[in-house]
Amino acid sequence: MGYIAIAFEHSIKINKAASALVVGVVLWTIYMLNSGDAESVNHHLMEHLGEMSGILFFLLGAMVIVELVDSHDGFQIITDRITTTNPRKLLWIIAFITFFLSAVLDNLTTTIVMISLLRKLIGDKKDRLFYAGIVVVAANAGGAWSPIGDVTTTMLWIGGQISTGAIVAKLILPSLACLIVPLLYLNVTMKKTAPNLEPKRETKPSTATAWERKLVFSLGVGGLLFVPIFKTLTHLPPYMGILFSLGTLWAVTELLHHGKEGEDKGKLSVVHALQKVDAASVLFFLGILLAISALQSAGLLTKLAVTLAETIGNQDIIVITIGLLSAIIDNVPLVAAAMGMYPLEQFATDHSFWLLLAYCAGTGGSCLIIGSAAGVAAMGMERIDFFWYLKKISLLALLGYFAGVAVYFLQLQIIG
């Protein structure tokens, strides 16, 4: 019911964040009332809250950094180098920047960065929404072949199910197919989808100097790139790295603009960037995570995985189904359930089962806008309608998903 309310947000005139928060709390309430063990339920809630807060603080920190770079017109460094007005060329450029950036950062941060960049490139919101949808597909495809590109690949990497070398070598071609097939289709139909597209750039005078723009852009992007390095060196969760990057950039900008006065200084501050962050999208994300964690704690997702094993049997079909289910139910608990069901004694490190799971769970969420962290972030930032995405992007994402699966099995037959 909550997902239906989110999908019909514009029809029922209720913000999706409100629906998500209500359904999240209601599910935990139902779980509590039917469990008979308040202490156990509260323990589960606190455990999940720790995980959720890490994701939310990461999201908030990344959004503030992006807004701060944006307020200094930092993305102009990139947009000035993208001069094409050809919608097809622009689509390929945006898609491949997103694809490779997502592997280095992660799909969530990359989506936030690329949506902000699109706002600088494309003035027409209708056309921008279409490109934002492709960014979601590209970000999830790019995150699937990297151990730090998606939460699920990171889970499998830390759990010992996959190694860095294997996921890169075995999944880069399927992930490329997942992106290229939709792009090839759009290469034929683009004229109908986005006629007379002309990227537009803002002409308002910048309040930051060229040197300040380059410094903040370098520190902002460097801070985002630093997060996986920080995690590897310290073994602390990613949100600690993003908070460190934010704190450093905050201190630098305070020192950079301490001599300025009035409105110019205010617009270049972190405080102003915090005010520009879409708090509703963060609360929407919180509600979704609360709802999914309630289903997980109640054991419903594990039962679903067991039912799939009993009714389907074929492990490859189960994994492909899990990928498609991740478009409806968050991929994190689905992968967690799979990791619990199939021990390493059954499927050793870098077994085909784990690699296919990494691909399917990472890319299957693109089929619906609410199916991935990247999609949820884009939905919040650009107010993307559920049914608009379903009509314009979902079929393309599904084609790419199965194209990647086909390439994976073909590759398995050729090189093992």
Protein backbone atom coordinates (compact mmCIF):
# COMPACT_ATOMS: atom_id res chain seq x y z
CA MET A 1 0.00 0.00 0.00
CA GLY A 2 2.87 2.33 0.80
CA TYR A 3 4.55 1.68 -2.55
CA ILE A 4 1.24 2.34 -4.32
CA ALA A 5 0.93 5.67 -2.47
CA ILE A 6 4.48 6.58 -3.54
CA ALA A 7 3.73 5.64 -7.15
CA PHE A 8 0.51 7.71 -7.18
CA GLU A 9 2.13 10.69 -5.41
CA HIS A 10 0.85 13.27 -7.91
CA SER A 11 -2.64 11.76 -8.10
CA ILE A 12 -3.27 11.64 -4.35
CA LYS A 13 -1.45 14.96 -3.73
CA ILE A 14 0.65 13.52 -0.89
CA ASN A 15 4.43 13.86 -0.95
CA LYS A 16 6.15 10.49 -1.35
CA ALA A 17 8.31 11.21 1.71
CA ALA A 18 5.19 11.32 3.89
CA SER A 19 3.96 8.00 2.47
CA ALA A 20 7.37 6.36 2.96
CA LEU A 21 7.68 7.54 6.57
CA VAL A 22 4.17 6.38 7.44
CA VAL A 23 4.60 2.92 5.90
CA GLY A 24 8.02 2.52 7.55
CA VAL A 25 6.66 3.25 11.04
CA VAL A 26 3.43 1.24 10.48
CA LEU A 27 5.39 -1.87 9.43
CA TRP A 28 7.57 -1.71 12.53
CA THR A 29 4.46 -1.18 14.66
CA ILE A 30 2.78 -4.26 13.16
CA TYR A 31 5.96 -6.24 13.74
CA MET A 32 6.12 -5.09 17.37
CA LEU A 33 2.46 -5.83 18.13
CA ASN A 34 2.68 -9.34 16.66
CA SER A 35 6.09 -10.35 18.01
CA GLY A 36 5.35 -10.39 21.73
CA ASP A 37 9.01 -9.57 22.43
CA ALA A 38 9.47 -5.83 22.69
CA GLU A 39 13.12 -6.09 23.71
CA SER A 40 14.04 -8.16 20.66
CA VAL A 41 12.17 -5.87 18.26
CA ASN A 42 13.80 -2.76 19.73
CA HIS A 43 17.18 -4.45 19.44
CA HIS A 44 16.54 -5.17 15.75
CA LEU A 45 15.38 -1.61 15.19
CA MET A 46 18.52 -0.15 16.79
CA GLU A 47 20.73 -2.41 14.69
CA HIS A 48 19.01 -1.33 11.49
CA LEU A 49 19.01 2.31 12.59
CA GLY A 50 22.79 2.17 12.79
CA GLU A 51 22.99 0.91 9.22
CA MET A 52 20.38 3.41 8.00
CA SER A 53 22.05 6.37 9.68
CA GLY A 54 25.28 5.47 7.93
CA ILE A 55 23.54 5.55 4.55
CA LEU A 56 21.66 8.77 5.36
CA PHE A 57 24.73 10.60 6.67
CA PHE A 58 26.63 9.48 3.58
CA LEU A 59 23.82 10.76 1.36
CA LEU A 60 23.59 14.06 3.25
CA GLY A 61 27.36 14.62 3.20
CA ALA A 62 27.62 13.87 -0.52
CA MET A 63 24.69 16.18 -1.32
CA VAL A 64 26.19 19.06 0.68
CA ILE A 65 29.58 18.65 -1.03
CA VAL A 66 27.90 18.65 -4.44
CA GLU A 67 25.81 21.73 -3.54
CA LEU A 68 28.95 23.53 -2.31
CA VAL A 69 30.79 22.78 -5.55
CA ASP A 70 27.69 23.92 -7.43
CA SER A 71 27.49 27.21 -5.51
CA HIS A 72 31.08 27.92 -6.59
CA ASP A 73 30.13 27.06 -10.21
CA GLY A 74 32.63 24.20 -10.04
CA PHE A 75 30.77 22.03 -12.52
CA GLN A 76 31.37 24.71 -15.13
CA ILE A 77 34.86 23.17 -15.46
CA ILE A 78 33.20 20.07 -16.91
CA THR A 79 30.25 21.64 -18.71
CA ASP A 80 32.50 24.07 -20.59
CA ARG A 81 34.22 21.06 -22.15
CA ILE A 82 30.94 19.48 -23.29
CA THR A 83 30.14 21.61 -26.33
CA THR A 84 27.96 19.28 -28.39
CA THR A 85 24.30 20.13 -28.97
CA ASN A 86 23.65 16.78 -30.63
CA PRO A 87 21.30 14.88 -28.28
CA ARG A 88 22.75 11.48 -29.26
CA LYS A 89 26.38 12.50 -28.65
CA LEU A 90 25.45 14.20 -25.40
CA LEU A 91 23.63 11.05 -24.26
CA TRP A 92 26.68 8.84 -24.88
CA ILE A 93 29.03 11.32 -23.20
CA ILE A 94 26.84 11.63 -20.10
CA ALA A 95 26.24 7.87 -19.94
CA PHE A 96 29.92 6.90 -20.12
CA ILE A 97 31.08 9.59 -17.69
CA THR A 98 28.47 8.23 -15.26
CA PHE A 99 29.42 4.59 -15.93
CA PHE A 100 33.12 4.95 -15.14
CA LEU A 101 32.70 7.52 -12.38
CA SER A 102 30.25 5.17 -10.63
CA ALA A 103 32.89 2.44 -10.50
CA VAL A 104 35.39 4.78 -8.86
CA LEU A 105 32.99 6.48 -6.45
CA ASP A 106 29.68 4.63 -6.05
CA ASN A 107 26.37 4.77 -7.88
CA LEU A 108 24.66 6.97 -5.29
CA THR A 109 27.32 9.71 -5.15
CA THR A 110 27.78 9.60 -8.92
CA THR A 111 24.05 10.10 -9.49
CA ILE A 112 24.03 13.14 -7.21
CA VAL A 113 27.03 14.61 -9.05
CA MET A 114 25.67 13.90 -12.53
CA ILE A 115 22.17 15.26 -11.81
CA SER A 116 23.78 18.48 -10.61
CA LEU A 117 25.90 18.56 -13.78
CA LEU A 118 22.82 18.00 -15.96
CA ARG A 119 21.15 21.02 -14.40
CA LYS A 120 24.04 23.09 -15.72
CA LEU A 121 23.92 21.51 -19.17
CA ILE A 122 20.23 21.22 -19.99
CA GLY A 123 17.75 23.97 -19.32
CA ASP A 124 14.55 22.16 -20.36
CA LYS A 125 13.34 20.01 -17.46
CA LYS A 126 11.48 17.55 -19.68
CA ASP A 127 14.65 16.71 -21.61
CA ARG A 128 16.71 16.75 -18.42
CA LEU A 129 14.43 14.16 -16.83
CA PHE A 130 15.09 11.81 -19.73
CA TYR A 131 18.85 12.15 -19.29
CA ALA A 132 18.46 11.73 -15.52
CA GLY A 133 16.77 8.39 -16.16
CA ILE A 134 19.71 7.26 -18.28
CA VAL A 135 22.07 8.41 -15.52
CA VAL A 136 20.32 5.99 -13.13
CA VAL A 137 20.81 3.08 -15.58
CA ALA A 138 24.45 4.04 -16.22
CA ALA A 139 25.26 4.55 -12.52
CA ASN A 140 23.89 1.14 -11.54
CA ALA A 141 25.64 -0.57 -14.46
CA GLY A 142 28.91 1.15 -13.56
CA GLY A 143 28.62 0.24 -9.90
CA ALA A 144 28.04 -3.47 -10.60
CA TRP A 145 31.59 -4.26 -11.80
CA SER A 146 33.42 -2.56 -8.93
CA PRO A 147 33.76 -3.75 -5.31
CA ILE A 148 33.06 -0.19 -4.12
CA GLY A 149 30.55 0.80 -6.82
CA ASP A 150 27.41 -0.47 -5.08
CA VAL A 151 26.41 -1.36 -1.52
CA THR A 152 25.74 -4.97 -2.54
CA THR A 153 29.10 -5.47 -4.28
CA THR A 154 30.78 -4.00 -1.20
CA MET A 155 28.84 -6.46 1.00
CA LEU A 156 29.94 -9.40 -1.14
CA TRP A 157 33.52 -8.10 -1.25
CA ILE A 158 33.77 -7.66 2.52
CA GLY A 159 32.04 -11.02 3.10
CA GLY A 160 34.64 -12.85 1.01
CA GLN A 161 32.21 -13.96 -1.72
CA ILE A 162 34.02 -12.01 -4.47
CA SER A 163 37.50 -10.59 -5.01
CA THR A 164 38.42 -7.30 -6.68
CA GLY A 165 40.16 -8.90 -9.67
CA ALA A 166 37.32 -11.32 -10.42
CA ILE A 167 34.48 -8.80 -10.26
CA VAL A 168 36.30 -6.36 -12.53
CA ALA A 169 37.41 -8.99 -15.05
CA LYS A 170 34.15 -10.97 -15.17
CA LEU A 171 31.54 -8.21 -14.89
CA ILE A 172 32.86 -5.24 -16.87
CA LEU A 173 31.62 -6.66 -20.20
CA PRO A 174 28.13 -7.59 -18.93
CA SER A 175 27.87 -4.17 -17.27
CA LEU A 176 28.91 -2.43 -20.50
CA ALA A 177 26.26 -4.44 -22.38
CA CYS A 178 23.68 -3.37 -19.79
CA LEU A 179 24.41 0.25 -20.73
CA ILE A 180 25.26 0.00 -24.43
CA VAL A 181 22.13 -1.91 -25.52
CA PRO A 182 19.75 0.84 -24.28
CA LEU A 183 22.06 3.47 -25.81
CA LEU A 184 22.04 1.73 -29.20
CA TYR A 185 18.26 1.56 -29.09
CA LEU A 186 18.09 5.26 -28.23
CA ASN A 187 20.54 6.05 -31.01
CA VAL A 188 17.78 5.05 -33.42
CA THR A 189 14.80 6.55 -31.57
CA MET A 190 16.45 9.62 -29.99
CA LYS A 191 15.03 12.06 -32.53
CA LYS A 192 11.51 11.21 -31.43
CA THR A 193 12.34 11.11 -27.74
CA ALA A 194 14.23 14.39 -27.42
CA PRO A 195 13.64 16.70 -30.41
CA ASN A 196 15.58 19.93 -30.80
CA LEU A 197 17.56 19.42 -27.63
CA GLU A 198 20.00 22.25 -27.01
CA PRO A 199 22.09 22.29 -23.82
CA LYS A 200 21.78 25.62 -22.05
CA ARG A 201 24.20 27.24 -19.67
CA GLU A 202 23.47 29.80 -17.02
CA THR A 203 24.84 33.24 -17.77
CA LYS A 204 24.52 34.74 -14.28
CA PRO A 205 27.81 36.18 -12.99
CA SER A 206 29.67 33.93 -10.58
CA THR A 207 30.38 35.13 -7.05
CA ALA A 208 33.49 32.90 -6.92
CA THR A 209 36.74 33.66 -8.69
CA ALA A 210 38.20 31.25 -11.25
CA TRP A 211 40.83 30.14 -8.74
CA GLU A 212 38.26 29.55 -6.01
CA ARG A 213 36.09 27.59 -8.45
CA LYS A 214 38.97 25.28 -9.40
CA LEU A 215 40.05 24.82 -5.77
CA VAL A 216 36.60 23.92 -4.46
CA PHE A 217 35.89 21.66 -7.45
CA SER A 218 39.19 19.82 -6.93
CA LEU A 219 38.67 19.48 -3.19
CA GLY A 220 35.03 18.41 -3.64
CA VAL A 221 35.70 15.74 -6.25
CA GLY A 222 38.90 14.74 -4.43
CA GLY A 223 36.91 14.41 -1.22
CA LEU A 224 34.42 12.08 -2.90
CA LEU A 225 37.21 10.01 -4.44
CA PHE A 226 38.92 9.88 -1.05
CA VAL A 227 36.01 8.00 0.57
CA PRO A 228 36.86 4.49 -0.77
CA ILE A 229 40.54 5.10 0.00
CA PHE A 230 39.64 6.15 3.56
CA LYS A 231 37.49 3.03 3.96
CA THR A 232 40.29 0.77 2.72
CA LEU A 233 42.92 2.35 4.97
CA THR A 234 40.89 2.69 8.17
CA HIS A 235 38.20 -0.03 7.74
CA LEU A 236 35.69 2.52 8.98
CA PRO A 237 32.32 2.81 7.18
CA PRO A 238 32.03 5.09 4.12
CA TYR A 239 29.98 7.76 5.92
CA MET A 240 32.99 8.51 8.15
CA GLY A 241 35.03 9.26 5.05
CA ILE A 242 32.34 11.53 3.57
CA LEU A 243 31.97 13.41 6.87
CA PHE A 244 35.74 13.91 7.01
CA SER A 245 35.74 15.23 3.43
CA LEU A 246 32.82 17.55 4.22
CA GLY A 247 34.49 18.86 7.37
CA THR A 248 37.73 19.53 5.50
CA LEU A 249 35.98 21.32 2.65
CA TRP A 250 33.90 23.29 5.18
CA ALA A 251 37.05 24.51 6.96
CA VAL A 252 38.78 25.42 3.68
CA THR A 253 35.81 27.43 2.36
CA GLU A 254 35.46 29.25 5.69
CA LEU A 255 39.11 30.32 5.46
CA LEU A 256 38.78 31.05 1.74
CA HIS A 257 35.90 33.51 2.17
CA HIS A 258 36.58 34.93 5.65
CA GLY A 259 37.41 38.35 4.22
CA LYS A 260 34.19 38.64 2.24
CA GLU A 261 31.03 40.23 3.53
CA GLY A 262 27.28 40.06 3.07
CA GLU A 263 25.38 38.08 0.48
CA ASP A 264 28.38 36.89 -1.55
CA LYS A 265 29.93 35.16 1.45
CA GLY A 266 26.60 33.63 2.47
CA LYS A 267 25.97 32.00 -0.91
CA LEU A 268 29.40 30.36 -0.85
CA SER A 269 29.07 28.89 2.65
CA VAL A 270 28.28 25.35 3.76
CA VAL A 271 25.36 26.72 5.76
CA HIS A 272 23.78 27.94 2.52
CA ALA A 273 24.52 24.59 0.85
CA LEU A 274 22.76 22.81 3.73
CA GLN A 275 19.69 24.96 3.16
CA LYS A 276 19.64 23.98 -0.54
CA VAL A 277 19.79 20.24 0.17
CA ASP A 278 16.45 18.54 -0.43
CA ALA A 279 15.62 17.28 3.07
CA ALA A 280 12.43 15.63 1.78
CA SER A 281 14.44 13.21 -0.36
CA VAL A 282 16.54 12.24 2.67
CA LEU A 283 13.38 11.56 4.71
CA PHE A 284 11.94 9.59 1.79
CA PHE A 285 15.05 7.44 1.78
CA LEU A 286 14.69 6.96 5.56
CA GLY A 287 11.10 5.79 5.18
CA ILE A 288 11.99 3.28 2.46
CA LEU A 289 14.86 1.88 4.54
CA LEU A 290 12.62 1.60 7.61
CA ALA A 291 10.01 -0.32 5.63
CA ILE A 292 12.53 -2.73 4.09
CA SER A 293 14.29 -3.33 7.42
CA ALA A 294 10.93 -4.24 9.02
CA LEU A 295 10.32 -6.86 6.31
CA GLN A 296 13.84 -8.16 6.82
CA SER A 297 13.58 -8.36 10.63
CA ALA A 298 10.23 -10.14 10.39
CA GLY A 299 11.96 -12.81 8.32
CA LEU A 300 9.76 -12.25 5.27
CA LEU A 301 12.63 -11.65 2.86
CA THR A 302 14.46 -14.78 3.98
CA LYS A 303 11.23 -16.77 3.55
CA LEU A 304 10.93 -15.31 0.07
CA ALA A 305 14.43 -16.47 -0.80
CA VAL A 306 13.71 -19.97 0.55
CA THR A 307 10.45 -20.10 -1.42
CA LEU A 308 12.33 -19.19 -4.59
CA ALA A 309 14.80 -22.01 -3.96
CA GLU A 310 12.00 -24.53 -3.39
CA THR A 311 9.80 -23.50 -6.33
CA ILE A 312 12.39 -22.58 -8.98
CA GLY A 313 15.38 -24.74 -8.10
CA ASN A 314 17.73 -23.50 -10.84
CA GLN A 315 20.30 -21.24 -9.15
CA ASP A 316 20.87 -19.04 -12.20
CA ILE A 317 17.15 -18.34 -12.59
CA ILE A 318 16.92 -17.62 -8.86
CA VAL A 319 19.71 -15.04 -9.11
CA ILE A 320 18.12 -13.41 -12.17
CA THR A 321 14.80 -13.30 -10.30
CA ILE A 322 16.48 -11.74 -7.26
CA GLY A 323 17.84 -9.04 -9.56
CA LEU A 324 14.36 -8.28 -10.90
CA LEU A 325 12.88 -8.35 -7.39
CA SER A 326 15.44 -5.74 -6.34
CA ALA A 327 13.52 -3.28 -8.52
CA ILE A 328 10.65 -3.62 -6.04
CA ILE A 329 12.42 -4.60 -2.82
CA ASP A 330 15.78 -3.07 -1.89
CA ASN A 331 18.71 -5.13 -3.17
CA VAL A 332 20.63 -4.94 0.14
CA PRO A 333 18.37 -7.25 2.20
CA LEU A 334 17.91 -9.56 -0.80
CA VAL A 335 21.68 -9.98 -1.18
CA ALA A 336 22.03 -10.30 2.61
CA ALA A 337 19.42 -13.08 2.55
CA ALA A 338 21.25 -14.85 -0.30
CA MET A 339 24.56 -14.58 1.60
CA GLY A 340 22.87 -16.20 4.60
CA MET A 341 21.26 -18.96 2.55
CA TYR A 342 24.33 -20.02 0.59
CA PRO A 343 27.54 -20.40 2.68
CA LEU A 344 31.01 -20.20 1.17
CA GLU A 345 31.31 -23.98 1.65
CA GLN A 346 28.59 -24.37 -0.98
CA PHE A 347 29.76 -21.61 -3.34
CA ALA A 348 33.43 -20.68 -2.94
CA THR A 349 34.89 -17.19 -3.41
CA ASP A 350 34.46 -15.92 -6.99
CA HIS A 351 32.02 -18.72 -7.85
CA SER A 352 29.80 -17.90 -10.81
CA PHE A 353 26.81 -17.71 -8.43
CA TRP A 354 28.27 -14.77 -6.49
CA LEU A 355 29.45 -12.89 -9.58
CA LEU A 356 26.06 -13.23 -11.28
CA LEU A 357 24.39 -12.12 -8.04
CA ALA A 358 26.62 -9.02 -7.93
CA TYR A 359 25.63 -8.11 -11.48
CA CYS A 360 21.90 -8.85 -11.15
CA ALA A 361 21.44 -7.16 -7.76
CA GLY A 362 23.42 -4.14 -8.94
CA THR A 363 21.60 -3.56 -12.23
CA GLY A 364 18.12 -5.01 -11.67
CA GLY A 365 17.10 -2.04 -9.55
CA SER A 366 17.23 0.21 -12.62
CA CYS A 367 13.98 -1.30 -13.87
CA LEU A 368 11.99 0.89 -11.45
CA ILE A 369 12.88 4.36 -10.13
CA ILE A 370 12.44 3.16 -6.53
CA GLY A 371 14.57 0.06 -7.10
CA SER A 372 18.00 1.51 -6.28
CA ALA A 373 19.70 4.15 -4.17
CA ALA A 374 20.65 5.95 -7.39
CA GLY A 375 17.03 5.96 -8.53
CA VAL A 376 15.73 7.19 -5.18
CA ALA A 377 18.32 10.01 -5.17
CA ALA A 378 17.43 11.04 -8.74
CA MET A 379 13.72 10.83 -7.92
CA GLY A 380 14.18 13.16 -4.98
CA MET A 381 16.47 15.67 -6.72
CA GLU A 382 14.52 15.98 -9.99
CA ARG A 383 11.00 15.09 -8.80
CA ILE A 384 10.84 12.19 -11.27
CA ASP A 385 7.38 10.66 -11.44
CA PHE A 386 7.16 6.89 -10.88
CA PHE A 387 4.98 6.28 -13.94
CA TRP A 388 7.03 8.61 -16.16
CA TYR A 389 10.10 6.48 -15.41
CA LEU A 390 8.07 3.28 -15.89
CA LYS A 391 6.97 4.47 -19.34
CA LYS A 392 10.20 6.04 -20.58
CA ILE A 393 13.08 4.17 -18.94
CA SER A 394 11.98 0.84 -17.42
CA LEU A 395 11.82 -1.13 -20.68
CA LEU A 396 15.26 0.18 -21.72
CA ALA A 397 16.68 -0.84 -18.33
CA LEU A 398 15.10 -4.30 -18.67
CA LEU A 399 16.60 -4.77 -22.14
CA GLY A 400 20.01 -3.79 -20.81
CA TYR A 401 19.62 -6.09 -17.80
CA PHE A 402 18.96 -9.19 -19.92
CA ALA A 403 21.63 -8.17 -22.44
CA GLY A 404 24.17 -8.15 -19.62
CA VAL A 405 22.95 -11.56 -18.39
CA ALA A 406 23.35 -12.95 -21.92
CA VAL A 407 26.89 -11.56 -22.21
CA TYR A 408 27.75 -13.01 -18.80
CA PHE A 409 26.70 -16.55 -19.80
CA LEU A 410 28.35 -16.21 -23.22
CA GLN A 411 31.56 -15.12 -21.51
CA LEU A 412 31.23 -18.03 -19.08
CA GLN A 413 31.00 -20.48 -21.98
CA ILE A 414 34.01 -19.00 -23.80
CA ILE A 415 36.53 -18.29 -21.04
CA GLY A 416 35.01 -20.06 -18.03
